[in-house]
Protein backbone atom coordinates (compact mmCIF):
# COMPACT_ATOMS: atom_id res chain seq x y z
CA UNK A 1 0.00 0.00 0.00
CA UNK A 2 2.84 2.43 0.86
CA UNK A 3 4.52 1.71 -2.48
CA UNK A 4 1.24 2.22 -4.31
CA UNK A 5 0.73 5.53 -2.51
CA UNK A 6 4.20 6.70 -3.48
CA UNK A 7 3.57 5.73 -7.11
CA UNK A 8 0.20 7.51 -7.10
CA UNK A 9 1.76 10.68 -5.66
CA UNK A 10 4.59 10.53 -8.19
CA UNK A 11 2.12 10.10 -11.08
CA UNK A 12 -0.03 12.96 -9.81
CA UNK A 13 3.02 15.21 -9.49
CA UNK A 14 4.19 14.32 -13.01
CA UNK A 15 0.72 14.95 -14.41
CA UNK A 16 0.56 18.34 -12.73
CA UNK A 17 3.94 19.31 -14.16
CA UNK A 18 2.77 18.23 -17.62
CA UNK A 19 -0.47 20.20 -17.35
CA UNK A 20 1.41 23.28 -16.19
CA UNK A 21 3.79 22.96 -19.13
CA UNK A 22 1.03 22.60 -21.73
CA UNK A 23 -0.25 26.20 -21.56
CA UNK A 24 3.32 27.44 -22.03
CA UNK A 25 3.81 25.25 -25.09
CA UNK A 26 0.40 26.24 -26.47
CA UNK A 27 1.12 29.92 -25.85
CA UNK A 28 4.47 29.60 -27.61
CA UNK A 29 2.87 27.99 -30.65
CA UNK A 30 0.12 30.61 -30.76
CA UNK A 31 2.60 33.45 -30.41
CA UNK A 32 4.82 32.05 -33.14
CA UNK A 33 1.83 31.86 -35.48
CA UNK A 34 0.55 35.30 -34.55
CA UNK A 35 3.87 37.00 -35.32
CA UNK A 36 4.82 34.87 -38.28
CA UNK A 37 5.36 37.99 -40.40
CA UNK A 38 7.77 39.59 -37.95
CA UNK A 39 11.47 39.30 -38.59
CA UNK A 40 13.00 41.37 -35.76
CA UNK A 41 11.85 41.62 -32.15
CA UNK A 42 12.21 44.88 -30.20
CA UNK A 43 14.51 44.48 -27.21
CA UNK A 44 14.23 45.96 -23.75
CA UNK A 45 17.74 47.41 -24.03
CA UNK A 46 17.01 49.28 -27.24
CA UNK A 47 16.79 53.03 -26.89
CA UNK A 48 14.42 53.54 -29.82
CA UNK A 49 11.53 51.71 -31.49
CA UNK A 50 12.46 48.99 -33.97
CA UNK A 51 10.66 47.87 -37.10
CA UNK A 52 9.29 44.39 -36.55
CA UNK A 53 8.29 43.59 -40.12
CA UNK A 54 5.29 44.03 -42.36
CA UNK A 55 1.90 43.52 -40.78
CA UNK A 56 0.11 40.48 -42.16
CA UNK A 57 -3.58 39.79 -41.75
CA UNK A 58 -4.59 36.16 -42.16
CA UNK A 59 -8.16 36.12 -43.37
CA UNK A 60 -10.38 33.08 -44.00
CA UNK A 61 -9.94 31.97 -47.58
CA UNK A 62 -6.97 34.16 -48.37
CA UNK A 63 -4.26 36.49 -47.13
CA UNK A 64 -4.71 40.26 -47.02
CA UNK A 65 -1.67 42.40 -46.33
CA UNK A 66 -1.04 46.00 -45.42
CA UNK A 67 -1.00 47.75 -48.82
CA UNK A 68 0.81 50.80 -47.39
CA UNK A 69 3.61 48.91 -45.67
CA UNK A 70 6.38 50.42 -47.83
CA UNK A 71 5.14 54.03 -47.97
CA UNK A 72 7.72 56.40 -46.50
CA UNK A 73 6.54 59.02 -44.04
CA UNK A 74 3.02 57.59 -43.94
CA UNK A 75 0.61 60.02 -42.30
CA UNK A 76 -2.89 58.89 -41.37
CA UNK A 77 -5.51 61.45 -42.26
CA UNK A 78 -9.30 61.45 -42.21
CA UNK A 79 -11.99 59.01 -43.23
CA UNK A 80 -14.21 60.57 -45.90
CA UNK A 81 -15.57 58.58 -48.86
CA UNK A 82 -12.61 56.28 -48.26
CA UNK A 83 -9.51 56.79 -46.11
CA UNK A 84 -6.87 59.49 -46.74
CA UNK A 85 -3.11 59.20 -46.28
CA UNK A 86 -0.02 61.30 -47.01
CA UNK A 87 3.44 59.96 -47.82
CA UNK A 88 5.40 58.62 -50.77
CA UNK A 89 6.36 55.21 -52.10
CA UNK A 90 4.94 51.97 -53.48
CA UNK A 91 1.33 50.94 -52.82
CA UNK A 92 0.51 47.23 -52.98
CA UNK A 93 -2.71 45.37 -53.68
CA UNK A 94 -4.55 44.41 -50.51
CA UNK A 95 -5.11 40.85 -51.74
CA UNK A 96 -5.48 38.66 -54.81
CA UNK A 97 -7.44 40.65 -57.38
CA UNK A 98 -7.98 41.69 -60.99
CA UNK A 99 -7.28 45.30 -62.05
CA UNK A 100 -10.33 47.00 -63.57
CA UNK A 101 -9.08 50.60 -63.94
CA UNK A 102 -5.62 52.16 -64.11
CA UNK A 103 -5.45 55.84 -65.08
CA UNK A 104 -3.15 58.74 -64.27
CA UNK A 105 -5.43 61.38 -65.80
CA UNK A 106 -8.78 60.96 -64.04
CA UNK A 107 -9.44 64.62 -63.33
CA UNK A 108 -12.42 63.82 -61.18
CA UNK A 109 -9.85 63.28 -58.43
CA UNK A 110 -7.07 65.67 -57.34
CA UNK A 111 -3.75 64.40 -58.68
CA UNK A 112 -5.44 62.42 -61.45
CA UNK A 113 -4.68 58.90 -60.22
CA UNK A 114 -7.47 56.29 -60.32
CA UNK A 115 -6.87 52.58 -59.82
CA UNK A 116 -9.54 49.99 -59.10
CA UNK A 117 -9.25 46.26 -58.55
CA UNK A 118 -11.73 43.52 -57.68
CA UNK A 119 -10.83 41.09 -54.92
CA UNK A 120 -10.85 37.44 -55.98
CA UNK A 121 -10.17 35.85 -52.60
CA UNK A 122 -10.79 36.23 -48.88
CA UNK A 123 -13.82 37.59 -47.01
CA UNK A 124 -14.12 40.56 -49.38
CA UNK A 125 -14.19 38.47 -52.56
CA UNK A 126 -16.06 40.26 -55.34
CA UNK A 127 -15.75 43.71 -53.77
CA UNK A 128 -14.06 46.57 -55.61
CA UNK A 129 -11.29 48.73 -54.13
CA UNK A 130 -10.08 52.11 -55.39
CA UNK A 131 -6.83 54.01 -54.84
CA UNK A 132 -6.98 57.60 -56.07
CA UNK A 133 -5.34 61.03 -56.27
CA UNK A 134 -1.52 61.31 -55.94
CA UNK A 135 -0.64 57.90 -57.38
CA UNK A 136 0.86 56.78 -60.69
CA UNK A 137 -0.44 53.36 -61.81
CA UNK A 138 2.07 50.52 -62.20
CA UNK A 139 -0.49 48.00 -63.48
CA UNK A 140 -2.81 47.59 -66.47
CA UNK A 141 -6.47 46.71 -66.83
CA UNK A 142 -7.03 42.96 -66.71
CA UNK A 143 -3.82 42.25 -64.85
CA UNK A 144 -4.01 39.74 -62.00
CA UNK A 145 -2.33 40.99 -58.84
CA UNK A 146 -1.49 39.69 -55.38
CA UNK A 147 -0.48 41.27 -52.05
CA UNK A 148 3.10 41.21 -53.40
CA UNK A 149 2.19 43.36 -56.45
CA UNK A 150 2.93 47.09 -56.51
CA UNK A 151 -0.13 48.63 -58.15
CA UNK A 152 1.12 52.22 -58.12
CA UNK A 153 3.58 54.74 -56.73
CA UNK A 154 2.35 57.38 -54.34
CA UNK A 155 4.00 60.79 -54.73
CA UNK A 156 4.06 64.00 -52.70
CA UNK A 157 1.67 66.06 -54.78
CA UNK A 158 -0.13 67.87 -51.99
CA UNK A 159 -3.28 65.73 -52.00
CA UNK A 160 -2.00 62.36 -50.78
CA UNK A 161 -4.03 59.29 -51.63
CA UNK A 162 -7.54 58.12 -50.89
CA UNK A 163 -8.41 54.44 -50.83
CA UNK A 164 -11.67 52.70 -50.12
CA UNK A 165 -14.60 50.72 -51.49
CA UNK A 166 -15.42 51.49 -55.12
CA UNK A 167 -18.73 51.09 -56.90
CA UNK A 168 -19.20 47.71 -58.65
CA UNK A 169 -18.71 49.53 -61.97
CA UNK A 170 -15.44 51.06 -60.78
CA UNK A 171 -16.62 54.54 -61.75
CA UNK A 172 -16.29 56.19 -58.35
CA UNK A 173 -16.55 55.67 -54.59
CA UNK A 174 -19.27 53.37 -53.23
CA UNK A 175 -20.42 56.04 -50.76
CA UNK A 176 -21.81 58.10 -53.66
CA UNK A 177 -24.47 55.50 -54.51
CA UNK A 178 -28.04 56.03 -53.19
CA UNK A 179 -27.95 52.77 -51.22
CA UNK A 180 -24.90 54.09 -49.34
CA UNK A 181 -26.39 57.51 -48.63
CA UNK A 182 -25.29 59.38 -51.78
CA UNK A 183 -22.39 61.08 -49.99
CA UNK A 184 -19.79 62.66 -52.27
CA UNK A 185 -16.97 65.15 -52.05
CA UNK A 186 -18.79 67.61 -49.81
CA UNK A 187 -19.52 65.13 -47.02
CA UNK A 188 -20.66 64.79 -44.30
CA UNK A 189 -17.81 62.60 -43.03
CA UNK A 190 -16.85 60.02 -41.99
CA UNK A 191 -19.02 57.85 -44.21
CA UNK A 192 -20.15 54.45 -43.00
CA UNK A 193 -18.59 52.92 -46.13
CA UNK A 194 -15.29 54.68 -45.43
CA UNK A 195 -15.31 53.52 -41.82
CA UNK A 196 -15.85 49.91 -42.89
CA UNK A 197 -12.82 50.06 -45.20
CA UNK A 198 -10.75 51.72 -42.48
CA UNK A 199 -11.57 48.82 -40.14
CA UNK A 200 -10.28 46.42 -42.80
CA UNK A 201 -7.05 48.41 -43.08
CA UNK A 202 -6.65 48.35 -39.31
CA UNK A 203 -6.99 44.56 -39.33
CA UNK A 204 -3.81 44.33 -41.45
CA UNK A 205 -1.79 46.82 -39.43
CA UNK A 206 -2.57 50.25 -40.88
CA UNK A 207 -2.81 52.94 -38.15
CA UNK A 208 -6.31 54.12 -37.21
CA UNK A 209 -7.66 57.34 -38.72
CA UNK A 210 -8.00 60.30 -36.33
CA UNK A 211 -11.76 60.70 -36.94
CA UNK A 212 -12.71 57.04 -36.72
CA UNK A 213 -14.61 57.54 -33.44
CA UNK A 214 -16.89 60.22 -34.85
CA UNK A 215 -20.49 59.23 -35.72
CA UNK A 216 -20.61 57.81 -39.27
CA UNK A 217 -22.94 59.06 -42.00
CA UNK A 218 -24.76 57.13 -44.69
CA UNK A 219 -25.30 53.39 -44.89
CA UNK A 220 -23.26 50.24 -45.45
CA UNK A 221 -24.86 48.46 -48.42
CA UNK A 222 -25.60 44.73 -48.38
CA UNK A 223 -22.66 42.53 -49.30
CA UNK A 224 -20.05 44.32 -47.20
CA UNK A 225 -18.75 42.59 -44.06
CA UNK A 226 -19.87 44.60 -41.03
CA UNK A 227 -16.67 43.76 -39.14
CA UNK A 228 -13.14 42.65 -39.95
């Protein structure tokens, strides 16, 4: 009986150690997966912030990535019909898509740039994205792109860029349609459509817009995910 008691205690102690170790192993695996896109960790001894790599958003059915990850001097601006940013450098596609417009002389937008592409994967499959204003297209209509494709180069032209949900036709911003509230260049802002796109950008690591907590205007049409 004494031997059996010792064995039982030893087994219980071993089991407890194993159970205590499991959360650590699980946490390590989860953490490794969560930061799979990071290449350098910040250290406690460092005297300044360090870049930890491009933000990657794993979405069901496909990968979306931060399309502004290589823009130099990126400045977050307001949410209007879409989301505004200042800076300069390459702009990538958000996800797998097909280019439907690529113009540098669309004078309906300051700066003339107008690029649209339709997502072919992920939770936003079928939706159309636009990037407009101070951007020179690097793609052509009909071209298939991925999150690794530079679709245009953003330049310092005084207007920055605006990016957001485009109409299914690719003619302009979705917020201008009646079902979205028919909100155009005069506002009021932020639009509900613009806020939805900004939430998608946040999910892949883009900084939040300064007016994102203001009451939104207009409607979010059917077919757009209400959360990201």
